[in-house]
Amino acid sequence: MYDPVQLRTFLTVAQTLSFTQAAGRLGVRQSTVSQHVRRLEEATGRPLFVRDTHSVGLTEGGEALLGFARTILEAHERAAAFFTGTRLRGRLRFGASEDFVLTRLPEILEGFRHEHPEVDLELSVELSGTLHERLDAGRLDLVLAKRRGPGDERGRLVWRDRMVWIGAEGLRVDPERPVPLIVFPPPGITRARALEVLEREGRAWRIACTSGSLSGLIAAARAGLGVMAHTRGLIPPGLVRVGGLPELGPVEFALLQGRRPTPAAEALAAAVLAGGDRLSRPA
């Protein structure tokens, strides 16, 4: 009833919220993406996306199909691996951004290890800027991290969102005083964006807390020490959006492979892309 190719297209549109970006990732024409979605809508009897000239969003039916699509594709891939007899081996050094510590990324990694038990998976959780540096130095094979900013089109887009200011509920930022910032240390991409935006708008700022771990930043924010820039879809429990500050703009997360792609890295990349919608959901 549901074509795996069409389901993969659907998941890609759901992750990128763009028919154009989905076509680019899949290596097909935009008309092909539209055709696959239309055929799925005919098969389900429900609209899957709400579209206008500026945005794409999932309908209630589209949200429901996400889980079914993942299950069908995972079963399809397991069957293909079983009957082709392919078994991956070797070492795979995977780096993931701190942003995904509290998401359902562990579920994706658990599924990968179950499917490929002979792959020695080594996980590094670091700042996105650090991951880019380690990948360029040949110390990682695959990285899931923020893109460095506008114009950076390296890797395969996994998820697009916006960055917002967050803090403890009830926190108010005094416009007459420096903005108290809770930030990662350099070379944090989120830190650089926050400082750049405030300086461009002429807003004074001060560092209220620096931590290399997301849990440390969250603790400081919950204590009311200041505000932090964060991805809108990943706001931790106990924190809320804070207004009265300059817009931080969009953020994109991408998968980047090392100079010598390996079958194991490609398999994990495929698993992350197939389950990309889980990355915007708390564990």
C-alpha atoms as a PDB file:
ATOM      1  CA  MET A   1       0.000   0.000   0.000  1.00  0.00           C
ATOM      2  CA  TYR A   2       2.809   2.407   0.840  1.00  0.00           C
ATOM      3  CA  ASP A   3       5.813   2.604  -1.467  1.00  0.00           C
ATOM      4  CA  PRO A   4       9.109   2.818   0.507  1.00  0.00           C
ATOM      5  CA  VAL A   5      10.496   5.306  -2.015  1.00  0.00           C
ATOM      6  CA  GLN A   6       7.509   7.585  -1.483  1.00  0.00           C
ATOM      7  CA  LEU A   7       7.762   7.174   2.300  1.00  0.00           C
ATOM      8  CA  ARG A   8      11.436   8.135   2.218  1.00  0.00           C
ATOM      9  CA  THR A   9      10.525  11.247   0.233  1.00  0.00           C
ATOM     10  CA  PHE A  10       7.803  12.070   2.757  1.00  0.00           C
ATOM     11  CA  LEU A  11      10.216  11.770   5.689  1.00  0.00           C
ATOM     12  CA  THR A  12      12.745  13.982   3.938  1.00  0.00           C
ATOM     13  CA  VAL A  13      10.154  16.723   3.351  1.00  0.00           C
ATOM     14  CA  ALA A  14       8.990  16.397   6.973  1.00  0.00           C
ATOM     15  CA  GLN A  15      12.556  16.879   8.211  1.00  0.00           C
ATOM     16  CA  THR A  16      13.527  19.780   5.947  1.00  0.00           C
ATOM     17  CA  LEU A  17      10.053  21.385   5.694  1.00  0.00           C
ATOM     18  CA  SER A  18      10.995  22.214   2.124  1.00  0.00           C
ATOM     19  CA  PHE A  19      10.160  20.440  -1.134  1.00  0.00           C
ATOM     20  CA  THR A  20      13.186  22.094  -2.736  1.00  0.00           C
ATOM     21  CA  GLN A  21      15.613  20.980  -0.016  1.00  0.00           C
ATOM     22  CA  ALA A  22      14.129  17.477  -0.032  1.00  0.00           C
ATOM     23  CA  ALA A  23      14.664  17.217  -3.780  1.00  0.00           C
ATOM     24  CA  GLY A  24      18.276  18.315  -3.371  1.00  0.00           C
ATOM     25  CA  ARG A  25      18.974  15.777  -0.637  1.00  0.00           C
ATOM     26  CA  LEU A  26      17.334  12.931  -2.580  1.00  0.00           C
ATOM     27  CA  GLY A  27      18.883  13.897  -5.911  1.00  0.00           C
ATOM     28  CA  VAL A  28      15.556  14.151  -7.747  1.00  0.00           C
ATOM     29  CA  ARG A  29      13.461  16.913  -9.265  1.00  0.00           C
ATOM     30  CA  GLN A  30      11.067  18.920  -7.125  1.00  0.00           C
ATOM     31  CA  SER A  31       8.204  17.704  -9.322  1.00  0.00           C
ATOM     32  CA  THR A  32       9.125  14.132  -8.355  1.00  0.00           C
ATOM     33  CA  VAL A  33       8.946  15.021  -4.658  1.00  0.00           C
ATOM     34  CA  SER A  34       5.508  16.596  -5.185  1.00  0.00           C
ATOM     35  CA  GLN A  35       4.372  13.523  -7.102  1.00  0.00           C
ATOM     36  CA  HIS A  36       5.488  11.141  -4.336  1.00  0.00           C
ATOM     37  CA  VAL A  37       3.691  13.187  -1.681  1.00  0.00           C
ATOM     38  CA  ARG A  38       0.558  13.409  -3.806  1.00  0.00           C
ATOM     39  CA  ARG A  39       0.473   9.635  -4.279  1.00  0.00           C
ATOM     40  CA  LEU A  40       0.871   9.080  -0.549  1.00  0.00           C
ATOM     41  CA  GLU A  41      -1.962  11.508   0.097  1.00  0.00           C
ATOM     42  CA  GLU A  42      -4.100   9.532  -2.343  1.00  0.00           C
ATOM     43  CA  ALA A  43      -3.149   6.265  -0.609  1.00  0.00           C
ATOM     44  CA  THR A  44      -3.898   7.581   2.894  1.00  0.00           C
ATOM     45  CA  GLY A  45      -6.900   9.618   1.850  1.00  0.00           C
ATOM     46  CA  ARG A  46      -5.622  12.583   3.882  1.00  0.00           C
ATOM     47  CA  PRO A  47      -3.531  15.697   3.263  1.00  0.00           C
ATOM     48  CA  LEU A  48      -0.047  15.295   4.729  1.00  0.00           C
ATOM     49  CA  PHE A  49       1.310  18.835   4.448  1.00  0.00           C
ATOM     50  CA  VAL A  50      -0.020  22.370   4.706  1.00  0.00           C
ATOM     51  CA  ARG A  51       1.711  24.519   2.089  1.00  0.00           C
ATOM     52  CA  ASP A  52       1.747  28.182   1.166  1.00  0.00           C
ATOM     53  CA  THR A  53       4.247  30.397  -0.658  1.00  0.00           C
ATOM     54  CA  HIS A  54       6.470  30.754   2.418  1.00  0.00           C
ATOM     55  CA  SER A  55       6.267  27.614   4.521  1.00  0.00           C
ATOM     56  CA  VAL A  56       5.548  23.899   4.709  1.00  0.00           C
ATOM     57  CA  GLY A  57       4.045  22.200   7.756  1.00  0.00           C
ATOM     58  CA  LEU A  58       2.732  18.772   8.725  1.00  0.00           C
ATOM     59  CA  THR A  59      -0.985  18.159   9.069  1.00  0.00           C
ATOM     60  CA  GLU A  60      -2.427  15.903  11.759  1.00  0.00           C
ATOM     61  CA  GLY A  61      -2.365  13.081   9.210  1.00  0.00           C
ATOM     62  CA  GLY A  62       1.242  13.863   8.368  1.00  0.00           C
ATOM     63  CA  GLU A  63       2.236  13.705  12.032  1.00  0.00           C
ATOM     64  CA  ALA A  64       0.548  10.312  12.328  1.00  0.00           C
ATOM     65  CA  LEU A  65       2.308   8.967   9.235  1.00  0.00           C
ATOM     66  CA  LEU A  66       5.779   9.820  10.609  1.00  0.00           C
ATOM     67  CA  GLY A  67       5.899   6.859  12.981  1.00  0.00           C
ATOM     68  CA  PHE A  68       4.392   4.435  10.486  1.00  0.00           C
ATOM     69  CA  ALA A  69       6.819   5.552   7.768  1.00  0.00           C
ATOM     70  CA  ARG A  70       9.845   4.970  10.004  1.00  0.00           C
ATOM     71  CA  THR A  71       8.609   1.513  11.017  1.00  0.00           C
ATOM     72  CA  ILE A  72       7.960   0.458   7.421  1.00  0.00           C
ATOM     73  CA  LEU A  73      11.340   1.723   6.186  1.00  0.00           C
ATOM     74  CA  GLU A  74      13.235   0.114   9.061  1.00  0.00           C
ATOM     75  CA  ALA A  75      11.556  -3.226   8.345  1.00  0.00           C
ATOM     76  CA  HIS A  76      12.314  -2.832   4.634  1.00  0.00           C
ATOM     77  CA  GLU A  77      16.006  -2.171   5.354  1.00  0.00           C
ATOM     78  CA  ARG A  78      16.267  -5.108   7.764  1.00  0.00           C
ATOM     79  CA  ALA A  79      14.795  -7.448   5.169  1.00  0.00           C
ATOM     80  CA  ALA A  80      17.132  -6.144   2.464  1.00  0.00           C
ATOM     81  CA  ALA A  81      20.185  -6.576   4.714  1.00  0.00           C
ATOM     82  CA  PHE A  82      19.124 -10.111   5.688  1.00  0.00           C
ATOM     83  CA  PHE A  83      18.582 -11.392   2.167  1.00  0.00           C
ATOM     84  CA  THR A  84      21.604  -9.708   0.615  1.00  0.00           C
ATOM     85  CA  GLY A  85      23.791 -11.015   3.421  1.00  0.00           C
ATOM     86  CA  THR A  86      25.606  -7.712   3.895  1.00  0.00           C
ATOM     87  CA  ARG A  87      27.368  -7.358   7.238  1.00  0.00           C
ATOM     88  CA  LEU A  88      29.198  -4.184   8.141  1.00  0.00           C
ATOM     89  CA  ARG A  89      32.359  -4.309  10.214  1.00  0.00           C
ATOM     90  CA  GLY A  90      35.013  -1.964  11.471  1.00  0.00           C
ATOM     91  CA  ARG A  91      35.388   1.176  13.533  1.00  0.00           C
ATOM     92  CA  LEU A  92      33.051   4.147  13.155  1.00  0.00           C
ATOM     93  CA  ARG A  93      33.859   7.442  14.888  1.00  0.00           C
ATOM     94  CA  PHE A  94      30.630   9.442  15.140  1.00  0.00           C
ATOM     95  CA  GLY A  95      30.363  12.953  16.543  1.00  0.00           C
ATOM     96  CA  ALA A  96      27.073  14.499  17.670  1.00  0.00           C
ATOM     97  CA  SER A  97      26.375  18.052  18.760  1.00  0.00           C
ATOM     98  CA  GLU A  98      25.532  18.814  22.390  1.00  0.00           C
ATOM     99  CA  ASP A  99      22.128  19.958  21.097  1.00  0.00           C
ATOM    100  CA  PHE A 100      20.981  16.343  20.778  1.00  0.00           C
ATOM    101  CA  VAL A 101      21.842  15.163  24.298  1.00  0.00           C
ATOM    102  CA  LEU A 102      18.209  15.369  25.422  1.00  0.00           C
ATOM    103  CA  THR A 103      16.586  14.149  22.182  1.00  0.00           C
ATOM    104  CA  ARG A 104      15.808  10.671  20.924  1.00  0.00           C
ATOM    105  CA  LEU A 105      19.122  10.304  19.084  1.00  0.00           C
ATOM    106  CA  PRO A 106      20.059   7.404  21.425  1.00  0.00           C
ATOM    107  CA  GLU A 107      17.132   5.441  19.958  1.00  0.00           C
ATOM    108  CA  ILE A 108      18.581   5.846  16.466  1.00  0.00           C
ATOM    109  CA  LEU A 109      22.027   4.745  17.653  1.00  0.00           C
ATOM    110  CA  GLU A 110      20.555   1.784  19.536  1.00  0.00           C
ATOM    111  CA  GLY A 111      18.752   0.648  16.385  1.00  0.00           C
ATOM    112  CA  PHE A 112      21.949   0.990  14.345  1.00  0.00           C
ATOM    113  CA  ARG A 113      23.953  -1.094  16.821  1.00  0.00           C
ATOM    114  CA  HIS A 114      21.244  -3.751  16.803  1.00  0.00           C
ATOM    115  CA  GLU A 115      21.347  -3.928  13.004  1.00  0.00           C
ATOM    116  CA  HIS A 116      25.141  -3.778  12.755  1.00  0.00           C
ATOM    117  CA  PRO A 117      26.584  -5.477  15.882  1.00  0.00           C
ATOM    118  CA  GLU A 118      30.027  -5.916  14.312  1.00  0.00           C
ATOM    119  CA  VAL A 119      30.562  -2.186  13.875  1.00  0.00           C
ATOM    120  CA  ASP A 120      32.558  -0.636  16.727  1.00  0.00           C
ATOM    121  CA  LEU A 121      30.705   2.651  17.193  1.00  0.00           C
ATOM    122  CA  GLU A 122      32.616   5.376  19.053  1.00  0.00           C
ATOM    123  CA  LEU A 123      30.466   8.366  20.038  1.00  0.00           C
ATOM    124  CA  SER A 124      31.841  11.847  20.756  1.00  0.00           C
ATOM    125  CA  VAL A 125      29.503  14.568  22.061  1.00  0.00           C
ATOM    126  CA  GLU A 126      30.996  18.014  21.512  1.00  0.00           C
ATOM    127  CA  LEU A 127      30.198  21.560  20.459  1.00  0.00           C
ATOM    128  CA  SER A 128      29.354  21.827  16.766  1.00  0.00           C
ATOM    129  CA  GLY A 129      32.403  24.020  16.139  1.00  0.00           C
ATOM    130  CA  THR A 130      34.679  21.417  17.735  1.00  0.00           C
ATOM    131  CA  LEU A 131      33.093  18.626  15.698  1.00  0.00           C
ATOM    132  CA  HIS A 132      33.753  20.501  12.461  1.00  0.00           C
ATOM    133  CA  GLU A 133      37.407  20.902  13.463  1.00  0.00           C
ATOM    134  CA  ARG A 134      37.828  17.231  14.383  1.00  0.00           C
ATOM    135  CA  LEU A 135      36.170  16.090  11.153  1.00  0.00           C
ATOM    136  CA  ASP A 136      38.444  18.336   9.076  1.00  0.00           C
ATOM    137  CA  ALA A 137      41.444  16.928  10.954  1.00  0.00           C
ATOM    138  CA  GLY A 138      40.420  13.356  10.080  1.00  0.00           C
ATOM    139  CA  ARG A 139      39.629  12.417  13.687  1.00  0.00           C
ATOM    140  CA  LEU A 140      35.950  11.655  13.035  1.00  0.00           C
ATOM    141  CA  ASP A 141      34.197   9.718  10.255  1.00  0.00           C
ATOM    142  CA  LEU A 142      30.702  11.197  10.518  1.00  0.00           C
ATOM    143  CA  VAL A 143      29.340  14.284  12.257  1.00  0.00           C
ATOM    144  CA  LEU A 144      25.844  15.540  13.097  1.00  0.00           C
ATOM    145  CA  ALA A 145      26.228  19.231  13.855  1.00  0.00           C
ATOM    146  CA  LYS A 146      25.020  22.751  13.205  1.00  0.00           C
ATOM    147  CA  ARG A 147      26.087  24.323   9.968  1.00  0.00           C
ATOM    148  CA  ARG A 148      28.427  27.217  10.581  1.00  0.00           C
ATOM    149  CA  GLY A 149      26.032  29.827   9.223  1.00  0.00           C
ATOM    150  CA  PRO A 150      24.494  31.314   6.064  1.00  0.00           C
ATOM    151  CA  GLY A 151      26.256  30.095   2.961  1.00  0.00           C
ATOM    152  CA  ASP A 152      27.486  26.865   4.562  1.00  0.00           C
ATOM    153  CA  GLU A 153      25.997  24.071   2.454  1.00  0.00           C
ATOM    154  CA  ARG A 154      28.356  21.258   3.428  1.00  0.00           C
ATOM    155  CA  GLY A 155      26.844  17.892   4.179  1.00  0.00           C
ATOM    156  CA  ARG A 156      23.276  16.651   3.964  1.00  0.00           C
ATOM    157  CA  LEU A 157      20.624  18.760   5.629  1.00  0.00           C
ATOM    158  CA  VAL A 158      18.874  16.847   8.409  1.00  0.00           C
ATOM    159  CA  TRP A 159      16.732  19.493  10.058  1.00  0.00           C
ATOM    160  CA  ARG A 160      16.064  23.225   9.834  1.00  0.00           C
ATOM    161  CA  ASP A 161      14.702  25.391  12.661  1.00  0.00           C
ATOM    162  CA  ARG A 162      15.097  28.834  14.211  1.00  0.00           C
ATOM    163  CA  MET A 163      17.154  29.947  17.173  1.00  0.00           C
ATOM    164  CA  VAL A 164      15.420  31.741  20.043  1.00  0.00           C
ATOM    165  CA  TRP A 165      16.319  33.226  23.412  1.00  0.00           C
ATOM    166  CA  ILE A 166      15.260  31.114  26.392  1.00  0.00           C
ATOM    167  CA  GLY A 167      15.425  31.447  30.165  1.00  0.00           C
ATOM    168  CA  ALA A 168      13.602  30.731  33.403  1.00  0.00           C
ATOM    169  CA  GLU A 169       9.886  31.431  33.470  1.00  0.00           C
ATOM    170  CA  GLY A 170       9.273  34.978  34.658  1.00  0.00           C
ATOM    171  CA  LEU A 171      12.762  36.185  33.702  1.00  0.00           C
ATOM    172  CA  ARG A 172      12.776  39.698  32.276  1.00  0.00           C
ATOM    173  CA  VAL A 173      15.748  41.302  30.550  1.00  0.00           C
ATOM    174  CA  ASP A 174      16.271  44.939  31.584  1.00  0.00           C
ATOM    175  CA  PRO A 175      16.785  46.933  28.352  1.00  0.00           C
ATOM    176  CA  GLU A 176      18.956  49.449  30.254  1.00  0.00           C
ATOM    177  CA  ARG A 177      21.455  46.856  31.485  1.00  0.00           C
ATOM    178  CA  PRO A 178      23.815  44.435  29.694  1.00  0.00           C
ATOM    179  CA  VAL A 179      22.139  41.191  28.598  1.00  0.00           C
ATOM    180  CA  PRO A 180      23.257  38.372  30.963  1.00  0.00           C
ATOM    181  CA  LEU A 181      24.353  35.499  28.710  1.00  0.00           C
ATOM    182  CA  ILE A 182      24.618  31.783  29.388  1.00  0.00           C
ATOM    183  CA  VAL A 183      26.880  30.363  26.685  1.00  0.00           C
ATOM    184  CA  PHE A 184      29.092  27.546  25.530  1.00  0.00           C
ATOM    185  CA  PRO A 185      32.825  28.357  25.344  1.00  0.00           C
ATOM    186  CA  PRO A 186      34.489  29.022  21.965  1.00  0.00           C
ATOM    187  CA  PRO A 187      34.246  27.702  19.270  1.00  0.00           C
ATOM    188  CA  GLY A 188      30.525  27.304  19.986  1.00  0.00           C
ATOM    189  CA  ILE A 189      28.439  28.251  16.945  1.00  0.00           C
ATOM    190  CA  THR A 190      25.459  29.250  19.113  1.00  0.00           C
ATOM    191  CA  ARG A 191      27.714  31.482  21.236  1.00  0.00           C
ATOM    192  CA  ALA A 192      29.117  33.200  18.149  1.00  0.00           C
ATOM    193  CA  ARG A 193      25.615  33.804  16.769  1.00  0.00           C
ATOM    194  CA  ALA A 194      24.357  35.313  20.051  1.00  0.00           C
ATOM    195  CA  LEU A 195      27.282  37.716  20.374  1.00  0.00           C
ATOM    196  CA  GLU A 196      27.169  38.689  16.712  1.00  0.00           C
ATOM    197  CA  VAL A 197      23.439  39.508  16.850  1.00  0.00           C
ATOM    198  CA  LEU A 198      23.691  41.550  20.056  1.00  0.00           C
ATOM    199  CA  GLU A 199      26.695  43.537  18.824  1.00  0.00           C
ATOM    200  CA  ARG A 200      25.032  44.208  15.477  1.00  0.00           C
ATOM    201  CA  GLU A 201      22.015  45.620  17.317  1.00  0.00           C
ATOM    202  CA  GLY A 202      24.179  47.663  19.692  1.00  0.00           C
ATOM    203  CA  ARG A 203      23.042  45.749  22.795  1.00  0.00           C
ATOM    204  CA  ALA A 204      25.521  45.529  25.645  1.00  0.00           C
ATOM    205  CA  TRP A 205      26.080  42.059  27.097  1.00  0.00           C
ATOM    206  CA  ARG A 206      27.969  40.212  29.813  1.00  0.00           C
ATOM    207  CA  ILE A 207      28.791  36.548  30.337  1.00  0.00           C
ATOM    208  CA  ALA A 208      26.810  35.237  33.311  1.00  0.00           C
ATOM    209  CA  CYS A 209      27.771  31.578  32.861  1.00  0.00           C
ATOM    210  CA  THR A 210      30.030  29.496  30.623  1.00  0.00           C
ATOM    211  CA  SER A 211      29.797  25.707  30.445  1.00  0.00           C
ATOM    212  CA  GLY A 212      30.971  23.090  27.992  1.00  0.00           C
ATOM    213  CA  SER A 213      27.939  20.900  28.691  1.00  0.00           C
ATOM    214  CA  LEU A 214      24.317  21.507  27.830  1.00  0.00           C
ATOM    215  CA  SER A 215      23.228  20.287  31.267  1.00  0.00           C
ATOM    216  CA  GLY A 216      25.387  22.997  32.863  1.00  0.00           C
ATOM    217  CA  LEU A 217      23.821  25.714  30.727  1.00  0.00           C
ATOM    218  CA  ILE A 218      20.319  24.449  31.475  1.00  0.00           C
ATOM    219  CA  ALA A 219      20.997  24.454  35.210  1.00  0.00           C
ATOM    220  CA  ALA A 220      22.218  28.050  35.062  1.00  0.00           C
ATOM    221  CA  ALA A 221      19.216  29.114  32.995  1.00  0.00           C
ATOM    222  CA  ARG A 222      16.761  27.422  35.363  1.00  0.00           C
ATOM    223  CA  ALA A 223      18.436  29.275  38.237  1.00  0.00           C
ATOM    224  CA  GLY A 224      17.596  32.552  36.502  1.00  0.00           C
ATOM    225  CA  LEU A 225      21.206  33.621  35.874  1.00  0.00           C
ATOM    226  CA  GLY A 226      20.466  34.853  32.372  1.00  0.00           C
ATOM    227  CA  VAL A 227      19.350  33.928  28.870  1.00  0.00           C
ATOM    228  CA  MET A 228      20.751  31.475  26.350  1.00  0.00           C
ATOM    229  CA  ALA A 229      20.383  31.093  22.598  1.00  0.00           C
ATOM    230  CA  HIS A 230      18.854  27.743  21.744  1.00  0.00           C
ATOM    231  CA  THR A 231      17.096  25.858  18.964  1.00  0.00           C
ATOM    232  CA  ARG A 232      13.342  26.516  19.124  1.00  0.00           C
ATOM    233  CA  GLY A 233      12.357  22.860  18.728  1.00  0.00           C
ATOM    234  CA  LEU A 234      14.678  21.668  21.499  1.00  0.00           C
ATOM    235  CA  ILE A 235      13.700  23.937  24.413  1.00  0.00           C
ATOM    236  CA  PRO A 236      14.363  21.935  27.616  1.00  0.00           C
ATOM    237  CA  PRO A 237      11.656  21.478  30.278  1.00  0.00           C
ATOM    238  CA  GLY A 238      11.507  24.309  32.783  1.00  0.00           C
ATOM    239  CA  LEU A 239      12.659  26.956  30.306  1.00  0.00           C
ATOM    240  CA  VAL A 240      10.618  29.267  28.084  1.00  0.00           C
ATOM    241  CA  ARG A 241      11.183  31.762  25.293  1.00  0.00           C
ATOM    242  CA  VAL A 242      12.287  35.220  26.399  1.00  0.00           C
ATOM    243  CA  GLY A 243      11.202  38.290  24.427  1.00  0.00           C
ATOM    244  CA  GLY A 244      12.636  41.764  24.015  1.00  0.00           C
ATOM    245  CA  LEU A 245      15.873  40.642  22.341  1.00  0.00           C
ATOM    246  CA  PRO A 246      17.049  40.686  18.700  1.00  0.00           C
ATOM    247  CA  GLU A 247      16.051  37.841  16.376  1.00  0.00           C
ATOM    248  CA  LEU A 248      18.676  35.108  16.168  1.00  0.00           C
ATOM    249  CA  GLY A 249      17.683  33.743  12.758  1.00  0.00           C
ATOM    250  CA  PRO A 250      17.584  30.198  11.330  1.00  0.00           C
ATOM    251  CA  VAL A 251      19.756  27.230  12.202  1.00  0.00           C
ATOM    252  CA  GLU A 252      20.470  24.117  10.159  1.00  0.00           C
ATOM    253  CA  PHE A 253      21.756  20.734  11.293  1.00  0.00           C
ATOM    254  CA  ALA A 254      23.616  18.597   8.786  1.00  0.00           C
ATOM    255  CA  LEU A 255      25.405  15.273   8.452  1.00  0.00           C
ATOM    256  CA  LEU A 256      28.975  15.534   7.231  1.00  0.00           C
ATOM    257  CA  GLN A 257      31.240  12.633   6.307  1.00  0.00           C
ATOM    258  CA  GLY A 258      35.014  12.521   6.463  1.00  0.00           C
ATOM    259  CA  ARG A 259      37.386  12.552   3.532  1.00  0.00           C
ATOM    260  CA  ARG A 260      37.126   8.794   3.076  1.00  0.00           C
ATOM    261  CA  PRO A 261      33.478   7.733   3.413  1.00  0.00           C
ATOM    262  CA  THR A 262      32.982   4.181   4.676  1.00  0.00           C
ATOM    263  CA  PRO A 263      30.020   1.796   4.299  1.00  0.00           C
ATOM    264  CA  ALA A 264      29.459   1.971   8.072  1.00  0.00           C
ATOM    265  CA  ALA A 265      29.368   5.774   8.024  1.00  0.00           C
ATOM    266  CA  GLU A 266      26.943   5.728   5.109  1.00  0.00           C
ATOM    267  CA  ALA A 267      24.695   3.234   6.914  1.00  0.00           C
ATOM    268  CA  LEU A 268      24.563   5.364  10.057  1.00  0.00           C
ATOM    269  CA  ALA A 269      23.956   8.490   7.971  1.00  0.00           C
ATOM    270  CA  ALA A 270      20.997   6.742   6.327  1.00  0.00           C
ATOM    271  CA  ALA A 271      19.635   5.766   9.759  1.00  0.00           C
ATOM    272  CA  VAL A 272      19.914   9.330  11.061  1.00  0.00           C
ATOM    273  CA  LEU A 273      18.265  10.754   7.940  1.00  0.00           C
ATOM    274  CA  ALA A 274      15.427   8.208   8.148  1.00  0.00           C
ATOM    275  CA  GLY A 275      14.804   9.054  11.808  1.00  0.00           C
ATOM    276  CA  GLY A 276      15.572  12.758  11.585  1.00  0.00           C
ATOM    277  CA  ASP A 277      12.179  13.811  12.930  1.00  0.00           C
ATOM    278  CA  ARG A 278      13.074  12.170  16.268  1.00  0.00           C
ATOM    279  CA  LEU A 279      15.830  14.744  16.730  1.00  0.00           C
ATOM    280  CA  SER A 280      13.265  17.483  17.273  1.00  0.00           C
ATOM    281  CA  ARG A 281      11.490  15.501  19.990  1.00  0.00           C
ATOM    282  CA  PRO A 282      12.582  15.210  23.637  1.00  0.00           C
ATOM    283  CA  ALA A 283      13.527  11.801  24.969  1.00  0.00           C
END
